[in-house]
Protein backbone atom coordinates (compact mmCIF):
# COMPACT_ATOMS: atom_id res chain seq x y z
CA UNK A 1 45.02 -206.83 159.46
CA UNK A 2 44.51 -204.90 162.68
CA UNK A 3 41.10 -204.36 164.13
CA UNK A 4 40.73 -200.89 165.57
CA UNK A 5 38.83 -201.13 168.84
CA UNK A 6 36.54 -198.44 170.11
CA UNK A 7 38.51 -197.02 173.01
CA UNK A 8 36.48 -196.75 176.23
CA UNK A 9 38.80 -193.91 177.27
CA UNK A 10 37.21 -191.80 174.54
CA UNK A 11 33.96 -191.71 176.49
CA UNK A 12 33.84 -188.18 177.91
CA UNK A 13 30.90 -186.41 179.54
CA UNK A 14 30.49 -182.83 178.40
CA UNK A 15 29.28 -181.99 181.87
CA UNK A 16 30.64 -183.74 184.89
CA UNK A 17 28.53 -186.35 186.62
CA UNK A 18 28.56 -184.21 189.76
CA UNK A 19 27.07 -181.25 187.90
CA UNK A 20 24.40 -183.43 186.33
CA UNK A 21 23.35 -184.96 189.63
CA UNK A 22 23.39 -181.60 191.43
CA UNK A 23 21.16 -180.06 188.76
CA UNK A 24 18.81 -183.04 188.84
CA UNK A 25 18.48 -182.94 192.62
CA UNK A 26 17.98 -179.16 192.67
CA UNK A 27 15.28 -179.43 190.00
CA UNK A 28 13.50 -182.19 191.91
CA UNK A 29 13.55 -180.07 195.07
CA UNK A 30 12.00 -177.15 193.21
CA UNK A 31 9.34 -179.41 191.69
CA UNK A 32 8.47 -180.80 195.10
CA UNK A 33 8.12 -177.31 196.56
CA UNK A 34 6.06 -176.19 193.55
CA UNK A 35 3.63 -179.11 193.75
CA UNK A 36 3.16 -178.57 197.47
CA UNK A 37 2.44 -174.90 196.78
CA UNK A 38 -0.07 -175.84 194.06
CA UNK A 39 -1.76 -178.31 196.39
CA UNK A 40 -2.04 -175.65 199.11
CA UNK A 41 -3.41 -173.14 196.59
CA UNK A 42 -6.04 -175.64 195.41
CA UNK A 43 -7.14 -176.28 198.99
CA UNK A 44 -7.53 -172.54 199.58
CA UNK A 45 -9.62 -172.15 196.43
CA UNK A 46 -11.93 -175.04 197.30
CA UNK A 47 -12.46 -173.75 200.83
CA UNK A 48 -13.51 -170.38 199.41
CA UNK A 49 -15.33 -171.34 196.20
CA UNK A 50 -16.46 -174.87 196.94
CA UNK A 51 -15.05 -178.28 196.11
CA UNK A 52 -17.04 -178.57 192.88
CA UNK A 53 -16.12 -175.15 191.55
CA UNK A 54 -14.31 -174.71 188.23
CA UNK A 55 -11.28 -173.07 189.77
CA UNK A 56 -8.19 -175.24 189.27
CA UNK A 57 -4.52 -174.65 189.81
CA UNK A 58 -3.74 -177.15 187.04
CA UNK A 59 -5.83 -177.94 183.96
CA UNK A 60 -8.18 -180.84 184.49
CA UNK A 61 -6.68 -182.83 181.60
CA UNK A 62 -3.50 -183.18 183.64
CA UNK A 63 -3.49 -186.23 185.98
CA UNK A 64 -3.23 -184.09 189.10
CA UNK A 65 -4.46 -185.05 192.53
CA UNK A 66 -3.82 -182.07 194.76
CA UNK A 67 -4.54 -184.17 197.83
CA UNK A 68 -1.57 -186.41 196.96
CA UNK A 69 1.08 -184.13 195.42
CA UNK A 70 3.69 -186.73 196.28
CA UNK A 71 2.21 -189.12 193.71
CA UNK A 72 2.37 -186.55 190.93
CA UNK A 73 5.88 -185.58 192.00
CA UNK A 74 6.93 -189.25 191.81
CA UNK A 75 5.61 -189.57 188.26
CA UNK A 76 7.21 -186.30 187.18
CA UNK A 77 10.56 -187.33 188.67
CA UNK A 78 10.28 -190.64 186.83
CA UNK A 79 9.87 -188.84 183.50
CA UNK A 80 12.75 -186.47 184.27
CA UNK A 81 15.00 -189.35 185.35
CA UNK A 82 14.15 -191.26 182.17
CA UNK A 83 15.07 -188.27 179.99
CA UNK A 84 18.27 -187.69 181.97
CA UNK A 85 19.47 -191.28 181.52
CA UNK A 86 18.70 -191.14 177.82
CA UNK A 87 20.75 -187.94 177.55
CA UNK A 88 23.67 -189.48 179.45
CA UNK A 89 23.76 -192.43 177.06
CA UNK A 90 23.68 -189.96 174.17
CA UNK A 91 26.51 -187.80 175.57
CA UNK A 92 28.73 -190.78 176.28
CA UNK A 93 27.95 -192.03 172.75
CA UNK A 94 27.19 -195.48 174.10
CA UNK A 95 24.14 -195.65 171.84
CA UNK A 96 26.31 -195.54 168.72
CA UNK A 97 27.69 -199.01 169.38
CA UNK A 98 24.42 -200.52 170.55
CA UNK A 99 22.82 -203.16 168.39
CA UNK A 100 19.10 -202.80 167.81
CA UNK A 101 18.48 -205.60 170.28
CA UNK A 102 20.61 -203.89 172.93
CA UNK A 103 18.93 -200.55 172.25
CA UNK A 104 15.49 -202.12 172.61
CA UNK A 105 16.57 -203.61 175.94
CA UNK A 106 17.79 -200.22 177.13
CA UNK A 107 14.55 -198.50 176.06
CA UNK A 108 12.52 -201.19 177.83
CA UNK A 109 14.56 -200.62 180.99
CA UNK A 110 13.73 -196.93 180.73
CA UNK A 111 10.04 -197.58 180.15
CA UNK A 112 9.91 -200.07 183.02
CA UNK A 113 11.72 -197.63 185.30
CA UNK A 114 14.39 -200.28 185.83
CA UNK A 115 17.34 -197.90 185.84
CA UNK A 116 18.57 -196.64 189.22
CA UNK A 117 18.11 -193.21 190.73
CA UNK A 118 20.40 -190.63 189.18
CA UNK A 119 23.54 -190.43 191.33
CA UNK A 120 27.23 -189.94 190.64
CA UNK A 121 27.87 -193.57 191.53
CA UNK A 122 25.09 -194.80 189.23
CA UNK A 123 26.43 -192.80 186.29
CA UNK A 124 29.96 -194.08 186.81
CA UNK A 125 28.66 -197.63 187.23
CA UNK A 126 26.83 -197.45 183.91
CA UNK A 127 29.87 -196.06 182.09
CA UNK A 128 32.12 -198.64 183.71
CA UNK A 129 29.72 -201.42 182.73
CA UNK A 130 29.84 -200.23 179.14
CA UNK A 131 33.64 -200.04 179.17
CA UNK A 132 33.92 -203.56 180.51
CA UNK A 133 31.44 -204.88 177.94
CA UNK A 134 32.62 -202.79 174.98
CA UNK A 135 33.90 -205.85 173.15
CA UNK A 136 30.59 -207.67 173.58
CA UNK A 137 28.62 -204.62 172.43
CA UNK A 138 30.88 -204.26 169.42
CA UNK A 139 30.51 -207.95 168.58
CA UNK A 140 26.72 -207.62 168.71
CA UNK A 141 26.83 -204.67 166.32
CA UNK A 142 29.15 -206.52 163.93
CA UNK A 143 26.90 -209.59 163.94
CA UNK A 144 23.80 -207.46 163.39
CA UNK A 145 25.32 -205.67 160.38
CA UNK A 146 26.79 -208.94 159.09
CA UNK A 147 23.36 -210.57 159.13
CA UNK A 148 21.75 -207.51 157.54
CA UNK A 149 24.17 -207.66 154.60
CA UNK A 150 23.43 -211.35 154.00
CA UNK A 151 19.64 -211.38 153.63
CA UNK A 152 17.86 -214.63 152.95
CA UNK A 153 17.17 -213.98 149.30
CA UNK A 154 17.99 -215.58 145.96
CA UNK A 155 20.19 -212.70 144.88
CA UNK A 156 23.54 -214.08 143.81
CA UNK A 157 25.32 -210.96 145.02
CA UNK A 158 24.35 -211.75 148.60
CA UNK A 159 26.36 -214.75 149.70
CA UNK A 160 25.12 -216.68 152.75
CA UNK A 161 28.74 -217.21 153.84
CA UNK A 162 30.34 -213.78 153.62
CA UNK A 163 29.83 -210.20 152.57
CA UNK A 164 31.15 -209.49 149.09
CA UNK A 165 31.93 -206.40 147.06
CA UNK A 166 28.26 -205.63 146.48
CA UNK A 167 24.97 -206.43 148.17
CA UNK A 168 21.34 -205.84 147.28
CA UNK A 169 18.98 -204.78 150.04
CA UNK A 170 15.28 -205.13 149.29
CA UNK A 171 12.44 -202.79 150.27
CA UNK A 172 14.62 -200.10 151.80
CA UNK A 173 14.10 -197.06 149.54
CA UNK A 174 10.99 -195.32 148.26
CA UNK A 175 9.91 -192.39 146.12
CA UNK A 176 8.95 -188.99 147.42
CA UNK A 177 6.19 -186.98 145.78
CA UNK A 178 8.83 -185.15 143.76
CA UNK A 179 10.12 -188.38 142.24
CA UNK A 180 13.28 -188.46 144.33
CA UNK A 181 14.48 -191.35 146.45
CA UNK A 182 14.65 -191.62 150.21
CA UNK A 183 15.38 -194.27 152.81
CA UNK A 184 12.34 -196.02 154.24
CA UNK A 185 13.18 -195.75 157.92
CA UNK A 186 10.17 -197.75 158.98
CA UNK A 187 11.64 -200.88 157.38
CA UNK A 188 15.43 -201.27 157.36
CA UNK A 189 16.57 -197.66 157.59
CA UNK A 190 18.14 -198.13 161.02
CA UNK A 191 20.31 -200.90 159.60
CA UNK A 192 21.91 -198.42 157.18
CA UNK A 193 22.78 -196.20 160.11
CA UNK A 194 24.34 -199.15 161.92
CA UNK A 195 26.25 -200.10 158.77
CA UNK A 196 27.71 -196.61 158.43
CA UNK A 197 28.64 -196.44 162.11
CA UNK A 198 30.35 -199.81 161.97
CA UNK A 199 32.49 -198.95 158.95
CA UNK A 200 33.64 -195.72 160.58
CA UNK A 201 34.50 -197.69 163.70
CA UNK A 202 36.33 -200.42 161.78
CA UNK A 203 38.33 -197.68 160.10
CA UNK A 204 39.44 -196.42 163.51
CA UNK A 205 37.50 -193.15 163.29
CA UNK A 206 34.82 -193.84 165.84
CA UNK A 207 31.10 -193.64 165.16
CA UNK A 208 30.05 -190.42 163.39
CA UNK A 209 27.95 -187.85 165.18
CA UNK A 210 24.24 -187.42 164.60
CA UNK A 211 21.27 -189.74 164.56
CA UNK A 212 21.17 -190.50 160.85
CA UNK A 213 24.25 -191.32 158.76
CA UNK A 214 26.27 -190.09 155.80
CA UNK A 215 24.96 -192.94 153.68
CA UNK A 216 21.32 -192.23 154.50
CA UNK A 217 21.83 -188.51 153.91
CA UNK A 218 23.46 -189.21 150.55
CA UNK A 219 20.54 -191.41 149.48
CA UNK A 220 17.97 -188.87 150.64
CA UNK A 221 19.67 -186.15 148.56
CA UNK A 222 20.54 -188.35 145.57
CA UNK A 223 17.86 -186.86 143.35
CA UNK A 224 15.83 -188.66 140.73
CA UNK A 225 18.72 -190.73 139.40
CA UNK A 226 19.15 -192.46 142.76
CA UNK A 227 22.98 -192.48 142.74
CA UNK A 228 24.68 -191.86 146.08
CA UNK A 229 28.28 -192.07 147.22
CA UNK A 230 30.14 -191.60 150.51
CA UNK A 231 33.62 -192.35 151.78
CA UNK A 232 32.82 -196.04 152.18
CA UNK A 233 29.92 -196.80 149.85
CA UNK A 234 28.45 -196.34 146.40
CA UNK A 235 24.70 -196.86 146.22
CA UNK A 236 22.04 -197.04 143.53
CA UNK A 237 18.33 -196.85 144.24
CA UNK A 238 15.76 -198.65 142.10
CA UNK A 239 12.05 -198.11 141.62
CA UNK A 240 11.15 -201.48 143.12
CA UNK A 241 12.55 -200.35 146.48
CA UNK A 242 15.87 -202.19 146.15
CA UNK A 243 19.20 -200.63 146.99
CA UNK A 244 22.49 -201.80 145.48
CA UNK A 245 25.45 -201.07 147.75
CA UNK A 246 29.02 -201.33 146.45
CA UNK A 247 31.77 -201.26 149.07
CA UNK A 248 34.72 -198.98 148.33
CA UNK A 249 36.90 -200.33 151.13
CA UNK A 250 37.25 -204.06 150.63
CA UNK A 251 39.79 -204.21 153.45
CA UNK A 252 37.04 -203.19 155.85
CA UNK A 253 34.67 -205.71 154.30
CA UNK A 254 37.27 -208.44 154.85
CA UNK A 255 37.68 -207.26 158.43
CA UNK A 256 33.92 -207.40 158.93
CA UNK A 257 33.85 -210.98 157.64
CA UNK A 258 36.79 -211.92 159.85
CA UNK A 259 35.29 -210.48 163.03
CA UNK A 260 31.85 -211.92 162.33
CA UNK A 261 33.37 -215.37 161.88
CA UNK A 262 32.30 -215.81 158.29
CA UNK A 263 34.26 -216.67 155.20
CA UNK A 264 36.94 -213.99 155.11
CA UNK A 265 37.76 -214.67 151.46
CA UNK A 266 35.88 -212.19 149.29
CA UNK A 267 34.07 -213.64 146.35
CA UNK A 268 35.21 -212.75 142.85
CA UNK A 269 33.81 -209.23 142.20
CA UNK A 270 33.46 -210.12 138.50
CA UNK A 271 31.05 -212.98 139.14
CA UNK A 272 27.80 -212.81 137.20
CA UNK A 273 24.52 -211.97 138.87
CA UNK A 274 21.18 -213.40 137.95
CA UNK A 275 19.85 -211.81 134.82
CA UNK A 276 17.26 -209.16 135.39
CA UNK A 277 17.83 -208.69 139.12
CA UNK A 278 17.77 -205.08 140.17
């Protein structure tokens, strides 16, 4: 069985790196000029009306020190740079193959201002680093999904050695006020998104677009009966918050087991489950 890799050559920016950097630099220049103008305007007002007057160029609830516009400019540029890097990762679709651990590391780097200044070289370096580590990123995602599908529970359907035809995920769905089912994203909802992305990738189609997933959307629109189905999965929601997932493509399940290093032999789909487990 052939494993379809995610081709780094498929990473394409919708705008060129040069255009992005040029826009970023032009915007920063305008911000710098604007803050200097605001600082000069505030000085003029205080000379005329007094330093303790209630005439402000910027609302007082904004952390603005007109005597040090460079400090405010630095903070504003930091926020803009953070948003720009996040958008670049989104456009290149790098985030779709990130494990949760890798994504948390990236977000921490953004919050800690650990990413470099936005330049053409920095953008290319980040894309090149992803391309060179694509296999490692993919392996992390596979392992994360593999572990998610083998929870430490007593459910017979969830083997500790491999993923079978069906799994039961606990505490992942809930009721809406209308009696319908929806994914509880504050618990394991992100894992369903990762699961859907991985199966698309294993099938050679690349990760689907969007921030949610076909599986999550199907569950959220399943109605009161809680039945959902997509290209790769059949799912049934239960009132206790459990979700039964049946895999439609056992070849992809076997591939998942093989890549993750588990038992590649699927268990007998006809095996009995513990009585009363739902």
